[in-house]
């Protein structure tokens, strides 16, 4: 504990110590209930006699700044530590029925299995592995990922072309910094946080509209002519975020052909491709043109976003620039978690977890469809073939902000599709509803409450302010 003492001052050291401790409490550096060091330890740290520290503690005990608990130690008193203590961030009470589309089932994170992987990792990892991480990522994880992605997603993956990153957010930031000034065509609608990350790191953005077959690849030349040449196209081809459509095979081929003709790069965000329900799995585009496609994936949708583990499979020409940016950003992702994930992949535990999750999510998706049919007259659900969320079309445009606020009063979290567009649409008929992190009874009750909220809202007076509905 830092208490400054001036041995040349005329004020005795005990008085200086008492004043220093009082100031620590008043300023909040020592908050209420904070445990003070033992008198012997503080005396050693400050180069004082233990008697002097004992006497100083006794004085502050008498003044009410401190309290002593037999067998536990000396603590800052409740009232004394409250006046100047820094405010603690207040956590909002969680919503009972939150249809947030970005979560898997957090309650089924494989805690025991992950703990076992961590224990085995800590028991067996060599001492040198506890040094600074390899900025590319742990070789063990890159090898395990290469095998998994080749087998499950058809990715042309070599451990030397994989860079481990802190989720998709950091992956996008690394790519933008590795290609300064790039003009990126991004799907519209898409994920606003991804757009913000790219723009914040120097990319210029060009919206690329989406329809029932995915990104409208045929518009790339027209949009490039208007805004300048596009050098990067970012897509979510397996399950477009947020509309849920898949990029059709003809458009996949057209996009790769266009990229080859224009020397452009495609960034393939494969964010929830592991979850397929009504159609066979679609192989990653990267397998068709690995020299023109960056493949991006994470465990945020399969295990938990809290792990902050993702990966980029890069064309060889980009590896050096991305590794340089990763080194500058954080010198590498946490090694212990990387090695635990490698063990999970190699053990088959990751595949088993995904198989169980698919069955669970399919039942929850079906529950959502049934609940919408029962409670929301005139509504229908799209984007159902895959993923962790669906689009509910209400059949009439709704004021998105008013709907969200009214729903929160019923402890329901709703996410209007209109705010996913580059030019937000305050009035739209779509909702992006995640179902993976809600049990079946909660999904049914949440949709029932949504119906009540819709009955409370007045019809919009005017929807001609840029809120045209797009299907």
Protein backbone atom coordinates (compact mmCIF):
# COMPACT_ATOMS: atom_id res chain seq x y z
CA UNK A 1 0.00 0.00 0.00
CA UNK A 2 1.38 3.37 -1.05
CA UNK A 3 1.68 5.88 1.79
CA UNK A 4 4.28 8.60 1.24
CA UNK A 5 6.50 9.45 4.24
CA UNK A 6 9.03 12.28 4.42
CA UNK A 7 11.72 11.49 6.95
CA UNK A 8 13.13 15.01 6.66
CA UNK A 9 9.85 16.67 7.63
CA UNK A 10 9.27 18.00 11.15
CA UNK A 11 5.96 16.10 11.43
CA UNK A 12 6.53 12.76 13.24
CA UNK A 13 6.35 9.60 11.12
CA UNK A 14 3.41 8.27 13.10
CA UNK A 15 1.40 11.43 12.38
CA UNK A 16 2.38 11.24 8.69
CA UNK A 17 1.22 7.61 8.56
CA UNK A 18 -2.09 8.46 10.23
CA UNK A 19 -2.68 11.37 7.82
CA UNK A 20 -1.77 9.19 4.84
CA UNK A 21 -4.18 6.43 5.87
CA UNK A 22 -6.98 8.93 6.47
CA UNK A 23 -6.45 10.40 3.00
CA UNK A 24 -6.51 6.92 1.43
CA UNK A 25 -9.91 6.30 3.02
CA UNK A 26 -11.36 9.74 2.24
CA UNK A 27 -10.29 9.66 -1.41
CA UNK A 28 -11.65 6.18 -1.99
CA UNK A 29 -8.26 4.60 -2.64
CA UNK A 30 -9.21 2.40 0.31
CA UNK A 31 -12.96 1.75 -0.20
CA UNK A 32 -15.38 0.56 2.48
CA UNK A 33 -14.66 -3.00 3.66
CA UNK A 34 -11.15 -3.00 2.14
CA UNK A 35 -8.72 -5.10 4.18
CA UNK A 36 -5.59 -3.29 5.37
CA UNK A 37 -2.19 -4.98 5.39
CA UNK A 38 -1.13 -6.68 8.61
CA UNK A 39 0.83 -4.32 10.84
CA UNK A 40 3.99 -6.39 10.48
CA UNK A 41 3.73 -6.39 6.66
CA UNK A 42 3.04 -2.64 6.41
CA UNK A 43 5.88 -1.87 8.78
CA UNK A 44 8.28 -3.89 6.63
CA UNK A 45 7.02 -2.22 3.41
CA UNK A 46 7.46 1.30 4.80
CA UNK A 47 10.62 0.71 6.81
CA UNK A 48 8.94 1.54 10.13
CA UNK A 49 8.77 -0.14 13.50
CA UNK A 50 5.77 -2.39 13.98
CA UNK A 51 4.86 -0.49 17.19
CA UNK A 52 4.50 2.75 15.22
CA UNK A 53 2.07 1.06 12.75
CA UNK A 54 0.10 -0.56 15.61
CA UNK A 55 -0.32 2.84 17.26
CA UNK A 56 -1.43 4.46 13.97
CA UNK A 57 -4.03 1.73 13.40
CA UNK A 58 -5.26 2.15 16.98
CA UNK A 59 -5.77 5.89 16.45
CA UNK A 60 -7.83 5.37 13.29
CA UNK A 61 -9.82 2.62 15.01
CA UNK A 62 -10.67 5.12 17.75
CA UNK A 63 -11.70 7.75 15.17
CA UNK A 64 -13.99 5.29 13.36
CA UNK A 65 -12.05 5.09 10.11
CA UNK A 66 -11.16 1.44 10.70
CA UNK A 67 -12.76 -1.60 12.31
CA UNK A 68 -10.98 -4.67 13.68
CA UNK A 69 -12.42 -8.16 13.25
CA UNK A 70 -10.93 -10.77 15.51
CA UNK A 71 -9.13 -13.41 13.52
CA UNK A 72 -9.78 -11.64 10.21
CA UNK A 73 -7.80 -8.39 10.33
CA UNK A 74 -8.34 -4.65 10.09
CA UNK A 75 -10.81 -3.17 7.58
CA UNK A 76 -12.05 0.22 6.40
CA UNK A 77 -15.28 1.07 8.20
CA UNK A 78 -18.46 1.13 6.15
CA UNK A 79 -19.33 4.82 6.57
CA UNK A 80 -15.72 6.00 6.40
CA UNK A 81 -15.03 4.46 3.01
CA UNK A 82 -18.22 5.55 1.28
CA UNK A 83 -17.83 9.34 0.93
CA UNK A 84 -14.94 9.51 -1.51
CA UNK A 85 -15.09 6.03 -2.99
CA UNK A 86 -15.26 5.82 -6.79
CA UNK A 87 -18.63 4.87 -8.19
CA UNK A 88 -18.99 1.23 -9.18
CA UNK A 89 -20.63 0.58 -12.53
CA UNK A 90 -24.20 -0.51 -11.97
CA UNK A 91 -25.12 -3.66 -13.84
CA UNK A 92 -28.54 -3.51 -15.45
CA UNK A 93 -30.94 -6.15 -14.31
CA UNK A 94 -30.99 -8.76 -17.08
CA UNK A 95 -34.12 -9.08 -19.16
CA UNK A 96 -36.16 -12.21 -18.52
CA UNK A 97 -36.77 -12.86 -22.23
CA UNK A 98 -33.84 -11.44 -24.20
CA UNK A 99 -33.86 -12.39 -27.90
CA UNK A 100 -30.32 -11.06 -28.40
CA UNK A 101 -29.13 -12.65 -31.67
CA UNK A 102 -25.41 -12.86 -30.85
CA UNK A 103 -25.38 -15.55 -28.16
CA UNK A 104 -25.23 -19.32 -28.16
CA UNK A 105 -26.75 -21.13 -25.17
CA UNK A 106 -24.49 -19.70 -22.45
CA UNK A 107 -25.90 -22.04 -19.80
CA UNK A 108 -24.58 -25.10 -21.64
CA UNK A 109 -20.98 -23.95 -21.97
CA UNK A 110 -19.06 -27.19 -21.25
CA UNK A 111 -17.59 -26.01 -17.96
CA UNK A 112 -16.38 -29.37 -16.69
CA UNK A 113 -14.83 -30.28 -20.00
CA UNK A 114 -13.17 -26.88 -20.36
CA UNK A 115 -11.84 -27.09 -16.81
CA UNK A 116 -10.39 -30.51 -17.59
CA UNK A 117 -8.71 -29.15 -20.72
CA UNK A 118 -7.23 -26.30 -18.67
CA UNK A 119 -5.95 -28.67 -15.99
CA UNK A 120 -4.34 -30.96 -18.53
CA UNK A 121 -2.82 -27.98 -20.30
CA UNK A 122 -1.33 -26.53 -17.11
CA UNK A 123 -0.05 -29.92 -16.03
CA UNK A 124 1.67 -30.76 -19.29
CA UNK A 125 2.69 -27.47 -20.93
CA UNK A 126 6.46 -26.82 -20.81
CA UNK A 127 7.78 -23.89 -18.84
CA UNK A 128 8.85 -21.99 -21.95
CA UNK A 129 5.22 -21.92 -23.14
CA UNK A 130 4.48 -19.50 -20.27
CA UNK A 131 6.57 -16.82 -21.94
CA UNK A 132 5.26 -14.20 -24.37
CA UNK A 133 2.82 -15.77 -26.87
CA UNK A 134 3.59 -16.43 -30.50
CA UNK A 135 1.77 -13.57 -32.28
CA UNK A 136 0.57 -16.00 -34.96
CA UNK A 137 -1.01 -18.15 -32.27
CA UNK A 138 0.05 -21.31 -30.48
CA UNK A 139 1.28 -23.87 -33.05
CA UNK A 140 -0.80 -26.58 -31.35
CA UNK A 141 -4.03 -24.64 -31.88
CA UNK A 142 -3.17 -23.68 -35.45
CA UNK A 143 -2.53 -27.35 -36.29
CA UNK A 144 -5.75 -28.47 -34.61
CA UNK A 145 -7.77 -25.77 -36.36
CA UNK A 146 -6.27 -26.56 -39.75
CA UNK A 147 -7.40 -30.18 -39.42
CA UNK A 148 -10.85 -29.25 -38.11
CA UNK A 149 -11.54 -26.63 -40.79
CA UNK A 150 -10.37 -28.91 -43.61
CA UNK A 151 -12.62 -31.71 -42.38
CA UNK A 152 -15.74 -29.76 -41.38
CA UNK A 153 -15.79 -26.67 -43.62
CA UNK A 154 -13.71 -27.65 -46.65
CA UNK A 155 -11.23 -24.84 -45.96
CA UNK A 156 -7.77 -25.00 -47.54
CA UNK A 157 -6.01 -24.46 -44.22
CA UNK A 158 -2.31 -24.60 -43.47
CA UNK A 159 -1.11 -23.87 -39.92
CA UNK A 160 1.35 -21.34 -41.34
CA UNK A 161 -1.46 -19.25 -42.86
CA UNK A 162 -3.60 -19.14 -39.71
CA UNK A 163 -3.44 -16.20 -37.28
CA UNK A 164 -5.24 -16.46 -33.93
CA UNK A 165 -7.05 -13.30 -32.86
CA UNK A 166 -9.36 -12.03 -30.11
CA UNK A 167 -12.61 -12.79 -31.90
CA UNK A 168 -13.97 -11.38 -35.15
CA UNK A 169 -13.70 -7.83 -33.80
CA UNK A 170 -9.92 -7.97 -33.61
CA UNK A 171 -9.71 -9.97 -36.83
CA UNK A 172 -11.43 -7.17 -38.74
CA UNK A 173 -9.26 -4.53 -37.08
CA UNK A 174 -6.09 -6.43 -38.03
CA UNK A 175 -7.23 -6.78 -41.65
CA UNK A 176 -8.13 -3.10 -41.93
CA UNK A 177 -4.75 -2.03 -40.53
CA UNK A 178 -2.91 -4.51 -42.75
CA UNK A 179 -4.62 -2.99 -45.83
CA UNK A 180 -4.67 0.75 -45.05
CA UNK A 181 -7.12 2.81 -47.03
CA UNK A 182 -8.93 -0.19 -48.51
CA UNK A 183 -12.44 0.34 -49.87
CA UNK A 184 -14.58 -2.42 -48.46
CA UNK A 185 -17.95 -3.44 -49.85
CA UNK A 186 -20.08 -4.57 -46.91
CA UNK A 187 -23.48 -6.25 -46.88
CA UNK A 188 -26.46 -4.00 -46.27
CA UNK A 189 -28.09 -4.86 -43.91
CA UNK A 190 -25.18 -6.10 -41.86
CA UNK A 191 -23.66 -5.85 -38.40
CA UNK A 192 -23.22 -2.20 -37.31
CA UNK A 193 -20.31 -3.06 -34.92
CA UNK A 194 -18.36 -4.61 -37.80
CA UNK A 195 -18.88 -1.54 -39.93
CA UNK A 196 -17.73 0.66 -37.06
CA UNK A 197 -14.57 -1.40 -36.52
CA UNK A 198 -13.57 -1.27 -40.18
CA UNK A 199 -14.23 2.46 -40.44
CA UNK A 200 -12.38 3.21 -37.20
CA UNK A 201 -9.28 1.50 -38.59
CA UNK A 202 -9.17 3.41 -41.85
CA UNK A 203 -11.37 1.44 -44.25
CA UNK A 204 -13.78 3.21 -46.59
CA UNK A 205 -17.14 1.47 -46.75
CA UNK A 206 -19.46 0.86 -49.69
CA UNK A 207 -22.86 -0.74 -48.96
CA UNK A 208 -23.77 -3.85 -50.98
CA UNK A 209 -27.52 -4.61 -50.91
CA UNK A 210 -28.83 -8.03 -49.89
CA UNK A 211 -31.87 -9.87 -51.26
CA UNK A 212 -33.23 -13.41 -51.07
CA UNK A 213 -30.07 -14.87 -52.64
CA UNK A 214 -27.63 -13.00 -50.44
CA UNK A 215 -25.34 -10.13 -51.39
CA UNK A 216 -26.15 -8.60 -54.78
CA UNK A 217 -22.75 -9.32 -56.30
CA UNK A 218 -23.90 -7.99 -59.68
CA UNK A 219 -23.93 -4.45 -58.24
CA UNK A 220 -20.24 -4.40 -57.34
CA UNK A 221 -19.14 -2.72 -60.58
CA UNK A 222 -21.83 -0.04 -60.36
CA UNK A 223 -21.05 0.72 -56.73
CA UNK A 224 -17.30 0.71 -57.40
CA UNK A 225 -17.82 3.27 -60.17
CA UNK A 226 -19.75 5.56 -57.87
CA UNK A 227 -17.54 5.34 -54.76
CA UNK A 228 -14.15 4.34 -56.18
CA UNK A 229 -12.65 0.90 -56.81
CA UNK A 230 -13.55 -1.79 -54.28
CA UNK A 231 -10.57 -3.81 -53.11
CA UNK A 232 -12.27 -5.95 -50.43
CA UNK A 233 -15.74 -7.52 -50.29
CA UNK A 234 -16.93 -8.76 -46.90
CA UNK A 235 -19.74 -11.33 -46.89
CA UNK A 236 -21.46 -13.85 -44.60
CA UNK A 237 -22.25 -16.44 -47.29
CA UNK A 238 -23.32 -19.43 -45.19
CA UNK A 239 -25.96 -17.51 -43.22
CA UNK A 240 -26.18 -13.82 -44.01
CA UNK A 241 -26.09 -11.63 -40.95
CA UNK A 242 -28.74 -10.61 -40.14
CA UNK A 243 -31.26 -11.71 -42.82
CA UNK A 244 -30.35 -15.41 -42.57
CA UNK A 245 -30.28 -16.15 -46.32
CA UNK A 246 -27.47 -18.13 -47.89
CA UNK A 247 -25.39 -16.74 -50.76
CA UNK A 248 -26.64 -18.69 -53.77
CA UNK A 249 -24.16 -20.87 -55.71
CA UNK A 250 -24.30 -18.67 -58.85
CA UNK A 251 -23.51 -15.58 -56.79
CA UNK A 252 -20.69 -17.36 -54.98
CA UNK A 253 -19.12 -18.19 -58.31
CA UNK A 254 -19.74 -14.67 -59.61
CA UNK A 255 -18.13 -13.10 -56.54
CA UNK A 256 -14.99 -15.21 -56.82
CA UNK A 257 -14.76 -14.50 -60.56
CA UNK A 258 -15.17 -10.78 -59.93
CA UNK A 259 -12.49 -10.84 -57.24
CA UNK A 260 -10.08 -12.61 -59.59
CA UNK A 261 -10.70 -10.19 -62.44
CA UNK A 262 -10.27 -7.11 -60.22
CA UNK A 263 -7.44 -8.33 -57.98
CA UNK A 264 -9.77 -7.95 -55.01
CA UNK A 265 -9.99 -9.84 -51.74
CA UNK A 266 -13.07 -11.54 -50.27
CA UNK A 267 -13.47 -11.73 -46.49
CA UNK A 268 -15.69 -14.69 -45.58
CA UNK A 269 -17.17 -14.37 -42.09
CA UNK A 270 -18.27 -17.93 -41.27
CA UNK A 271 -19.77 -16.86 -37.97
CA UNK A 272 -22.38 -19.58 -37.29
CA UNK A 273 -21.99 -22.01 -40.19
CA UNK A 274 -21.75 -25.01 -37.84
CA UNK A 275 -25.50 -24.91 -37.24
CA UNK A 276 -27.52 -26.32 -40.15
CA UNK A 277 -31.06 -27.65 -39.81
CA UNK A 278 -33.00 -27.96 -43.08
CA UNK A 279 -30.29 -28.21 -45.70
CA UNK A 280 -26.92 -29.91 -46.15
CA UNK A 281 -23.88 -27.95 -44.93
CA UNK A 282 -22.48 -25.43 -47.39
CA UNK A 283 -18.73 -25.67 -47.77
CA UNK A 284 -16.77 -22.49 -47.18
CA UNK A 285 -16.09 -20.36 -50.27
CA UNK A 286 -12.45 -20.17 -49.26
CA UNK A 287 -11.93 -23.75 -50.44
CA UNK A 288 -12.66 -22.66 -54.04
CA UNK A 289 -10.20 -19.75 -54.13
CA UNK A 290 -7.87 -19.72 -51.10
CA UNK A 291 -5.57 -17.18 -52.76
CA UNK A 292 -8.43 -14.64 -52.95
CA UNK A 293 -10.40 -15.33 -49.75
CA UNK A 294 -9.74 -14.57 -46.08
CA UNK A 295 -11.66 -17.05 -43.95
CA UNK A 296 -12.70 -15.78 -40.52
CA UNK A 297 -14.17 -17.84 -37.68
CA UNK A 298 -14.50 -17.80 -33.89
CA UNK A 299 -15.78 -19.85 -30.95
CA UNK A 300 -18.12 -16.99 -29.94
CA UNK A 301 -21.16 -18.74 -31.44
CA UNK A 302 -20.10 -22.32 -30.70
CA UNK A 303 -18.72 -22.06 -27.14
CA UNK A 304 -18.82 -18.55 -25.67
CA UNK A 305 -17.95 -14.98 -26.68
CA UNK A 306 -16.20 -14.62 -23.31
CA UNK A 307 -13.30 -16.76 -24.55
CA UNK A 308 -12.32 -14.11 -27.15
CA UNK A 309 -10.76 -16.68 -29.49
CA UNK A 310 -11.01 -16.43 -33.26
CA UNK A 311 -8.90 -17.06 -36.32
CA UNK A 312 -8.05 -15.80 -39.77
CA UNK A 313 -7.04 -18.20 -42.55
CA UNK A 314 -5.12 -15.91 -44.87
CA UNK A 315 -3.73 -15.94 -48.40
CA UNK A 316 0.05 -16.31 -47.97
CA UNK A 317 0.72 -12.78 -49.24
CA UNK A 318 -1.22 -11.28 -46.31
CA UNK A 319 0.22 -13.32 -43.45
CA UNK A 320 3.23 -11.12 -42.76
CA UNK A 321 1.25 -7.87 -42.66
CA UNK A 322 -1.46 -9.32 -40.38
CA UNK A 323 1.08 -10.89 -38.01
CA UNK A 324 2.85 -7.53 -37.79
CA UNK A 325 -0.41 -5.83 -36.82
CA UNK A 326 -1.20 -8.57 -34.30
CA UNK A 327 2.21 -8.08 -32.71
CA UNK A 328 1.64 -4.35 -32.45
CA UNK A 329 -1.88 -4.85 -31.04
CA UNK A 330 -1.18 -7.22 -28.15
CA UNK A 331 1.82 -9.46 -28.90
CA UNK A 332 -0.41 -12.53 -29.10
CA UNK A 333 -3.55 -14.07 -27.63
CA UNK A 334 -3.49 -15.89 -24.25
CA UNK A 335 -1.56 -19.13 -24.68
CA UNK A 336 -3.25 -21.21 -21.97
CA UNK A 337 -6.73 -20.76 -23.47
CA UNK A 338 -5.37 -21.50 -26.94
CA UNK A 339 -3.82 -24.77 -25.76
CA UNK A 340 -7.04 -25.74 -23.97
CA UNK A 341 -9.03 -25.17 -27.19
CA UNK A 342 -6.50 -27.24 -29.13
CA UNK A 343 -7.03 -30.11 -26.70
CA UNK A 344 -10.79 -29.74 -26.99
CA UNK A 345 -10.57 -29.98 -30.78
CA UNK A 346 -8.18 -32.94 -30.75
CA UNK A 347 -10.17 -34.86 -28.13
CA UNK A 348 -13.42 -34.80 -30.09
CA UNK A 349 -15.12 -32.87 -27.28
CA UNK A 350 -15.72 -29.86 -29.54
CA UNK A 351 -17.54 -31.99 -32.13
CA UNK A 352 -19.69 -33.63 -29.46
CA UNK A 353 -20.61 -30.24 -28.04
CA UNK A 354 -21.68 -29.03 -31.51
CA UNK A 355 -23.82 -32.10 -32.17
CA UNK A 356 -25.70 -31.61 -28.91
CA UNK A 357 -26.09 -27.88 -29.58
CA UNK A 358 -27.56 -28.48 -33.06
CA UNK A 359 -30.31 -30.67 -31.64
CA UNK A 360 -31.09 -28.16 -28.91
CA UNK A 361 -31.12 -25.14 -31.23
CA UNK A 362 -33.32 -26.84 -33.79
CA UNK A 363 -35.97 -27.47 -31.12
CA UNK A 364 -35.76 -23.85 -30.01
CA UNK A 365 -36.06 -22.61 -33.57
CA UNK A 366 -39.18 -24.75 -34.06
CA UNK A 367 -40.60 -23.37 -30.82
CA UNK A 368 -40.08 -19.82 -32.09
CA UNK A 369 -41.89 -20.59 -35.34
CA UNK A 370 -44.82 -22.18 -33.47
CA UNK A 371 -45.06 -19.29 -31.00
CA UNK A 372 -45.10 -16.70 -33.78
CA UNK A 373 -47.84 -18.63 -35.58
CA UNK A 374 -49.91 -18.80 -32.39
CA UNK A 375 -49.47 -15.29 -31.00
CA UNK A 376 -48.58 -12.94 -33.88
CA UNK A 377 -51.33 -12.83 -36.46
CA UNK A 378 -50.06 -11.92 -39.90
CA UNK A 379 -46.39 -12.43 -38.99
CA UNK A 380 -44.05 -14.96 -40.57
CA UNK A 381 -40.50 -16.17 -39.92
CA UNK A 382 -37.61 -16.29 -42.40
CA UNK A 383 -33.93 -17.23 -42.31
CA UNK A 384 -34.70 -20.56 -40.63
CA UNK A 385 -32.40 -23.00 -42.37
CA UNK A 386 -29.38 -22.32 -40.19
CA UNK A 387 -27.83 -20.26 -37.43
CA UNK A 388 -28.86 -18.97 -34.02
CA UNK A 389 -31.42 -16.32 -34.99
CA UNK A 390 -34.33 -15.76 -37.35
CA UNK A 391 -36.13 -12.80 -38.89
CA UNK A 392 -39.72 -12.24 -37.79
CA UNK A 393 -41.70 -10.17 -40.30
CA UNK A 394 -44.57 -8.51 -38.49
CA UNK A 395 -46.57 -7.66 -41.61
CA UNK A 396 -46.63 -3.92 -40.89
CA UNK A 397 -43.93 -1.33 -40.25
CA UNK A 398 -43.23 -0.60 -36.59
CA UNK A 399 -41.39 2.25 -34.85
CA UNK A 400 -38.32 0.28 -33.80
CA UNK A 401 -37.25 2.50 -30.91
CA UNK A 402 -40.73 2.67 -29.43
CA UNK A 403 -41.07 -1.10 -29.75
CA UNK A 404 -37.77 -1.76 -27.97
CA UNK A 405 -38.63 0.58 -25.12
CA UNK A 406 -42.11 -0.85 -24.66
CA UNK A 407 -40.76 -4.39 -24.77
CA UNK A 408 -38.20 -3.66 -22.07
CA UNK A 409 -41.02 -2.68 -19.74
CA UNK A 410 -42.25 -6.26 -20.21
CA UNK A 411 -38.68 -7.57 -19.63
CA UNK A 412 -38.35 -8.56 -23.29
CA UNK A 413 -35.31 -7.74 -25.41
CA UNK A 414 -36.09 -7.08 -29.09
CA UNK A 415 -33.79 -6.09 -31.97
CA UNK A 416 -35.34 -4.31 -34.98
CA UNK A 417 -33.94 -5.21 -38.38
CA UNK A 418 -34.17 -1.58 -39.52
CA UNK A 419 -31.17 -0.57 -37.41
CA UNK A 420 -28.92 -3.05 -39.25
CA UNK A 421 -28.90 -0.95 -42.43
CA UNK A 422 -26.17 1.52 -43.31
CA UNK A 423 -28.92 4.14 -43.44
CA UNK A 424 -31.03 3.05 -40.44
CA UNK A 425 -34.75 2.56 -40.99
CA UNK A 426 -36.67 3.75 -37.94
CA UNK A 427 -39.82 2.11 -39.34
CA UNK A 428 -39.50 -1.47 -40.57
CA UNK A 429 -41.50 -4.66 -40.27
CA UNK A 430 -38.56 -6.93 -39.33
CA UNK A 431 -37.17 -8.14 -36.01
CA UNK A 432 -33.90 -10.05 -35.57
CA UNK A 433 -34.65 -12.57 -32.84
CA UNK A 434 -32.04 -14.91 -31.38
CA UNK A 435 -33.41 -18.14 -29.95
CA UNK A 436 -30.29 -20.09 -28.92
CA UNK A 437 -29.94 -18.59 -25.43
CA UNK A 438 -33.61 -19.03 -24.42
CA UNK A 439 -35.25 -22.25 -23.28
CA UNK A 440 -38.43 -23.30 -25.09
CA UNK A 441 -40.85 -22.02 -22.40
CA UNK A 442 -39.05 -18.67 -22.35
CA UNK A 443 -39.30 -18.35 -26.14
CA UNK A 444 -43.04 -19.01 -26.05
CA UNK A 445 -43.61 -16.54 -23.19
CA UNK A 446 -41.40 -13.90 -24.82
CA UNK A 447 -43.39 -14.03 -28.06
CA UNK A 448 -46.66 -13.91 -26.09
CA UNK A 449 -45.42 -10.72 -24.40
CA UNK A 450 -44.33 -9.34 -27.77
CA UNK A 451 -47.92 -9.71 -28.94
CA UNK A 452 -49.10 -7.70 -25.93
CA UNK A 453 -46.52 -4.99 -26.64
CA UNK A 454 -47.64 -4.72 -30.27
CA UNK A 455 -51.23 -4.24 -29.13
CA UNK A 456 -50.13 -1.33 -26.94
CA UNK A 457 -48.27 0.52 -29.70
CA UNK A 458 -50.20 3.00 -31.82
CA UNK A 459 -49.87 2.59 -35.61
CA UNK A 460 -47.09 4.76 -37.08
CA UNK A 461 -48.27 8.09 -38.42
CA UNK A 462 -45.75 8.23 -41.27
CA UNK A 463 -43.29 5.66 -42.63
CA UNK A 464 -41.96 7.69 -45.57
CA UNK A 465 -38.76 8.91 -43.87
CA UNK A 466 -36.40 6.37 -45.37
CA UNK A 467 -38.10 3.45 -43.72
CA UNK A 468 -39.22 1.54 -46.81
CA UNK A 469 -39.47 -2.16 -46.17
CA UNK A 470 -37.06 -4.39 -48.02
CA UNK A 471 -37.43 -8.13 -48.30
